[in-house]
Structure formats: structure tokens, C-alpha cells
Amino acid sequence: MKQRLLCIFQQRVFFLIVLLSVVLSFSAKAEVEIDKVYHPYVQPFERELEVRSFYTKDNQDELDGNQKYQFAAGLSLTESFNLETYVIGQKLSGEGFKIVSFEIEGQLQLTEQGEYWSDWGLLIELESEREEKVWGIAAGLLWEKEFGSWATTANLFVDYSFGSDINDKLESAFRGQLRYRWMPQFEPAVELYLGDEANGMGPVLLGSQRFGRQKLKWELGVIFGLDNETPDQTLRALVELEF
């Protein structure tokens, strides 16, 4: 009986989060970026190296050809907490590549996988701009539920930016993913990104391959803009080595 009541409570909390995130995403002036959908899991005592890249294609000259790169190194400090540091660079159309910001990210796994009706995690990010006195701190609630061969993942982020070179602002964002767990090396998915200045949706392929104690993970997808403020297409790729 207690387990059933907990499952009902988790279901209601999840649907409330989805509803709240959609409302916030369309009401807040959020500069949402196409990035990745986080899963609420931490691999105990693992190290990882990660590279993400993003390329935008758009009929508007100021967005066409923009590129962004994220280089990360991470370490699981405990069985449920992971810490990563990022160096973020970009190459705007007609300009050269440059480092624009640095970030530190902590992820906490709140529940054991499969222990309850759904799985939960928490993400905290702190980012500093390299050339401007701008800071950003974000908190993200991570949720995932498996239905047979399907897995549904949702992220709700709230971000606060501050500093002498920016007007303080509070933003929100929603990211979602529906994934078919066909085989570890090939998992097709659809992702959704919601925000006031970026709304996108598109197909993504995910996969992983283990080599002894090492594991190589990859993601490749294209997100299509759903409004005029979002690039027509954003090609995103990710490669991660866990060891």
C-alpha cells in the first residue's frame, strides 16, 4: 500500500513538473539552447571524457553556420555524485574559434534505478564567461521512466544569470526525450526543447559499446526549429569515453 501511494505521488509530481515547465518556458524570456537531455543516473567511481559539438543551419545570416563546442572531464566522487568541468568554445559565422566560458557541473542521483515508479536526479551548474563579468547558476530536475522497451526522460531547468555586464535574469527550460531501447549500440529517439526563444524537436540516435572496463557512448541528432527565433536545423553530436 505504501509503495502504491508513493507511485501515485511520483506520477502526480511528474505531470505537475511537465505542466509547470511548459508554462514557464513560454512565459519566461529564456534564451534556451539546444544541448542534450540528461539522464538521472551516475556510474559509481567512473571517470569520463566528453566532447559535444553543435552546428546551426538557418536562413538568417546571423545564425547560419554558428558552431559551439564543449570539452569536459568528469569523475564520480561517490556512488551517486558526479562532478564535471567544462571548457566551452564557439565559432561564429565569419569569425575564428575562441573560448567563451568555463563551467562546473555536479549531478546527484536521488533514487536507485528501478527502485520506485520512476527515477530521479538533480543537476547543478555554475558557469563563468571568459571575457565578460557574467555568471550563471542553474538547477535541473531530472526524471526518467521505462515502459518495456521505451524510456521517457524529462529535464526541467531554472537558470539565474547575474554580473556587472548583464541585467540579472531568471530563465527556465524544458527538455524531453522518448527513446526506443532496441539494442545498446543503436537506440533511436525523439527530443523536444521548449523555451521562449528556442523551440525545437527532432530525431536523435544514441548508442554505446563496452571495451573491457571502458565504455564509448555517442549521440547524433538534428533538431528542427519550431519558430522563427530558433535555427532551422541544429546538428548536435556527442562522444563520451567512460573508464
Protein backbone atom coordinates (compact mmCIF):
# COMPACT_ATOMS: atom_id res chain seq x y z
CA MET A 1 0.00 0.00 0.00
CA LYS A 2 2.82 2.39 0.90
CA GLN A 3 4.61 1.60 -2.38
CA ARG A 4 1.44 2.22 -4.39
CA LEU A 5 0.83 5.59 -2.70
CA LEU A 6 4.43 6.58 -3.43
CA CYS A 7 4.00 5.66 -7.10
CA ILE A 8 0.82 7.76 -7.35
CA PHE A 9 2.59 10.67 -5.68
CA GLN A 10 5.54 10.43 -8.10
CA GLN A 11 3.20 10.35 -11.09
CA ARG A 12 1.39 13.47 -9.95
CA VAL A 13 4.65 15.28 -9.21
CA PHE A 14 5.97 14.44 -12.67
CA PHE A 15 2.90 15.65 -14.54
CA LEU A 16 2.88 18.81 -12.42
CA ILE A 17 6.52 19.42 -13.34
CA VAL A 18 5.79 18.97 -17.05
CA LEU A 19 2.83 21.36 -16.89
CA LEU A 20 4.80 23.92 -14.90
CA SER A 21 7.80 23.70 -17.21
CA VAL A 22 5.70 24.28 -20.32
CA VAL A 23 4.02 27.32 -18.74
CA LEU A 24 7.34 28.76 -17.57
CA SER A 25 9.05 28.07 -20.88
CA PHE A 26 6.51 30.09 -22.82
CA SER A 27 6.19 32.89 -20.28
CA ALA A 28 9.82 33.50 -19.27
CA LYS A 29 12.23 35.25 -21.61
CA ALA A 30 14.51 32.24 -21.68
CA GLU A 31 17.46 32.07 -24.05
CA VAL A 32 17.21 28.31 -24.27
CA GLU A 33 19.92 26.49 -26.21
CA ILE A 34 19.74 23.13 -27.93
CA ASP A 35 22.05 20.95 -25.84
CA LYS A 36 21.45 17.41 -24.56
CA VAL A 37 18.92 15.59 -22.43
CA TYR A 38 20.38 14.42 -19.12
CA HIS A 39 19.56 11.03 -17.61
CA PRO A 40 19.29 10.84 -13.79
CA TYR A 41 21.99 8.21 -13.35
CA VAL A 42 25.56 8.27 -12.03
CA GLN A 43 28.03 5.46 -12.70
CA PRO A 44 29.86 4.75 -9.43
CA PHE A 45 33.52 5.78 -9.28
CA GLU A 46 33.96 6.26 -13.03
CA ARG A 47 35.99 8.84 -14.91
CA GLU A 48 34.86 10.29 -18.21
CA LEU A 49 35.96 12.50 -21.08
CA GLU A 50 33.30 14.13 -23.23
CA VAL A 51 33.11 16.28 -26.36
CA ARG A 52 29.90 17.92 -27.59
CA SER A 53 29.53 19.88 -30.81
CA PHE A 54 26.67 21.92 -32.28
CA TYR A 55 26.26 23.36 -35.78
CA THR A 56 23.35 25.58 -36.80
CA LYS A 57 21.85 26.00 -40.24
CA ASP A 58 19.45 28.89 -40.76
CA ASN A 59 18.16 31.21 -43.46
CA GLN A 60 19.04 34.15 -41.19
CA ASP A 61 22.66 35.18 -41.75
CA GLU A 62 23.38 35.81 -38.06
CA LEU A 63 22.55 32.19 -37.17
CA ASP A 64 23.76 30.29 -40.23
CA GLY A 65 26.99 28.38 -39.70
CA ASN A 66 27.44 29.08 -35.98
CA GLN A 67 29.35 26.37 -34.14
CA LYS A 68 29.70 25.54 -30.44
CA TYR A 69 31.96 23.03 -28.70
CA GLN A 70 32.09 21.71 -25.14
CA PHE A 71 35.07 19.78 -23.78
CA ALA A 72 34.54 18.07 -20.42
CA ALA A 73 36.32 15.87 -17.91
CA GLY A 74 34.40 14.22 -15.08
CA LEU A 75 34.79 11.99 -12.06
CA SER A 76 32.27 10.14 -9.90
CA LEU A 77 33.26 11.08 -6.35
CA THR A 78 30.77 8.68 -4.75
CA GLU A 79 28.29 6.06 -5.89
CA SER A 80 25.67 8.75 -6.51
CA PHE A 81 27.54 12.03 -7.17
CA ASN A 82 29.47 13.05 -10.29
CA LEU A 83 31.48 16.23 -10.89
CA GLU A 84 32.44 17.59 -14.33
CA THR A 85 34.37 20.62 -15.55
CA TYR A 86 33.77 22.18 -18.98
CA VAL A 87 35.65 24.41 -21.37
CA ILE A 88 33.18 25.93 -23.85
CA GLY A 89 34.17 27.44 -27.19
CA GLN A 90 32.37 28.78 -30.21
CA LYS A 91 32.96 29.78 -33.81
CA LEU A 92 30.50 32.30 -35.17
CA SER A 93 29.91 32.67 -38.88
CA GLY A 94 32.80 34.64 -40.39
CA GLU A 95 34.85 34.58 -37.20
CA GLY A 96 37.54 32.36 -35.70
CA PHE A 97 37.24 29.84 -32.88
CA LYS A 98 37.52 31.18 -29.31
CA ILE A 99 36.99 30.03 -25.73
CA VAL A 100 33.94 31.82 -24.34
CA SER A 101 33.20 30.31 -20.91
CA PHE A 102 34.03 27.78 -18.22
CA GLU A 103 31.61 25.61 -16.28
CA ILE A 104 31.50 23.21 -13.35
CA GLU A 105 28.64 20.74 -13.09
CA GLY A 106 27.53 18.40 -10.31
CA GLN A 107 24.98 15.61 -10.76
CA LEU A 108 23.32 13.75 -7.89
CA GLN A 109 21.36 10.53 -8.38
CA LEU A 110 18.42 10.75 -5.98
CA THR A 111 16.91 7.26 -6.37
CA GLU A 112 18.20 3.83 -7.32
CA GLN A 113 17.32 2.79 -10.85
CA GLY A 114 14.09 0.78 -10.80
CA GLU A 115 13.59 1.19 -7.05
CA TYR A 116 10.44 3.30 -7.44
CA TRP A 117 7.87 4.04 -10.15
CA SER A 118 10.33 6.45 -11.78
CA ASP A 119 13.95 7.54 -11.36
CA TRP A 120 15.07 10.99 -10.20
CA GLY A 121 18.25 13.07 -10.24
CA LEU A 122 19.44 16.63 -9.64
CA LEU A 123 21.89 18.73 -11.66
CA ILE A 124 23.64 21.93 -10.54
CA GLU A 125 25.72 24.08 -12.94
CA LEU A 126 27.91 27.14 -12.37
CA GLU A 127 29.20 28.98 -15.45
CA SER A 128 31.53 31.97 -15.86
CA GLU A 129 32.00 33.98 -19.05
CA ARG A 130 35.63 34.41 -20.09
CA GLU A 131 35.57 37.96 -21.45
CA GLU A 132 32.64 39.44 -19.53
CA LYS A 133 31.71 39.69 -15.85
CA VAL A 134 28.75 37.39 -16.20
CA TRP A 135 27.91 34.38 -14.04
CA GLY A 136 25.17 31.82 -14.35
CA ILE A 137 23.88 29.23 -11.94
CA ALA A 138 21.34 26.60 -12.96
CA ALA A 139 19.46 23.80 -11.25
CA GLY A 140 17.87 20.96 -13.14
CA LEU A 141 15.45 18.27 -12.01
CA LEU A 142 16.00 15.03 -13.95
CA TRP A 143 13.31 12.36 -14.40
CA GLU A 144 13.15 9.04 -16.26
CA LYS A 145 10.63 6.22 -16.59
CA GLU A 146 10.92 2.99 -18.56
CA PHE A 147 7.91 1.36 -20.23
CA GLY A 148 9.06 -2.00 -21.58
CA SER A 149 11.40 -1.23 -24.48
CA TRP A 150 10.67 2.52 -24.24
CA ALA A 151 12.24 5.12 -21.96
CA THR A 152 10.93 8.63 -21.34
CA THR A 153 13.25 11.31 -19.95
CA ALA A 154 12.41 14.87 -18.87
CA ASN A 155 14.57 17.75 -17.61
CA LEU A 156 13.32 20.95 -16.02
CA PHE A 157 15.95 23.71 -15.66
CA VAL A 158 15.85 27.04 -13.87
CA ASP A 159 18.78 29.38 -14.58
CA TYR A 160 19.79 32.63 -12.92
CA SER A 161 22.30 34.94 -14.67
CA PHE A 162 23.97 37.86 -12.90
CA GLY A 163 27.02 40.12 -13.04
CA SER A 164 28.12 43.68 -13.78
CA ASP A 165 27.91 43.17 -17.56
CA ILE A 166 24.34 41.85 -17.61
CA ASN A 167 20.94 42.62 -16.20
CA ASP A 168 20.04 39.91 -13.70
CA LYS A 169 17.52 37.49 -15.17
CA LEU A 170 15.76 34.27 -14.29
CA GLU A 171 15.13 31.73 -17.06
CA SER A 172 13.57 28.30 -17.40
CA ALA A 173 13.75 25.47 -19.90
CA PHE A 174 12.29 22.05 -20.61
CA ARG A 175 14.00 19.16 -22.41
CA GLY A 176 12.38 15.82 -23.16
CA GLN A 177 13.34 12.57 -24.85
CA LEU A 178 11.42 9.47 -25.94
CA ARG A 179 13.85 6.61 -26.62
CA TYR A 180 13.39 3.11 -28.01
CA ARG A 181 15.85 0.73 -26.34
CA TRP A 182 16.39 -1.53 -29.32
CA MET A 183 20.00 -2.52 -28.58
CA PRO A 184 22.85 -0.83 -26.66
CA GLN A 185 24.62 0.15 -29.89
CA PHE A 186 21.53 1.66 -31.53
CA GLU A 187 18.72 3.48 -29.74
CA PRO A 188 16.57 5.82 -31.87
CA ALA A 189 14.90 8.69 -30.04
CA VAL A 190 12.96 11.93 -30.45
CA GLU A 191 13.89 15.03 -28.43
CA LEU A 192 11.90 18.16 -27.57
CA TYR A 193 13.26 21.53 -26.39
CA LEU A 194 10.92 24.26 -25.17
CA GLY A 195 11.62 27.90 -24.42
CA ASP A 196 10.60 31.45 -25.31
CA GLU A 197 13.49 31.98 -27.74
CA ALA A 198 14.22 28.40 -28.83
CA ASN A 199 11.69 25.70 -29.55
CA GLY A 200 12.90 22.61 -31.36
CA MET A 201 12.19 18.97 -31.99
CA GLY A 202 13.91 16.23 -33.95
CA PRO A 203 15.33 12.69 -34.23
CA VAL A 204 18.43 11.52 -32.36
CA LEU A 205 20.44 8.29 -32.46
CA LEU A 206 22.17 7.10 -29.28
CA GLY A 207 24.47 4.17 -28.70
CA SER A 208 27.20 2.70 -26.55
CA GLN A 209 29.83 0.00 -26.80
CA ARG A 210 31.85 -1.51 -23.97
CA PHE A 211 35.51 -2.45 -24.41
CA GLY A 212 36.50 -4.26 -21.23
CA ARG A 213 36.29 -1.71 -18.42
CA GLN A 214 35.92 1.17 -20.87
CA LYS A 215 32.68 2.32 -22.46
CA LEU A 216 32.24 4.53 -25.51
CA LYS A 217 28.95 6.45 -25.85
CA TRP A 218 27.75 8.59 -28.73
CA GLU A 219 24.78 10.71 -29.74
CA LEU A 220 23.94 12.24 -33.11
CA GLY A 221 20.80 14.17 -33.97
CA VAL A 222 19.24 17.07 -35.80
CA ILE A 223 16.80 19.40 -34.04
CA PHE A 224 14.41 21.36 -36.25
CA GLY A 225 13.29 24.81 -35.16
CA LEU A 226 9.59 25.20 -34.41
CA ASP A 227 9.51 29.00 -34.63
CA ASN A 228 11.33 31.91 -36.25
CA GLU A 229 13.58 32.51 -33.23
CA THR A 230 15.16 29.06 -33.39
CA PRO A 231 17.69 27.99 -36.07
CA ASP A 232 16.08 25.95 -38.85
CA GLN A 233 18.33 23.00 -38.01
CA THR A 234 20.79 22.33 -35.20
CA LEU A 235 23.07 19.36 -35.73
CA ARG A 236 24.29 18.05 -32.38
CA ALA A 237 26.87 15.35 -31.72
CA LEU A 238 28.35 13.87 -28.55
CA VAL A 239 31.17 11.41 -27.87
CA GLU A 240 31.93 10.25 -24.32
CA LEU A 241 34.52 7.82 -23.02
CA GLU A 242 33.95 6.27 -19.59
CA PHE A 243 36.81 4.43 -17.89
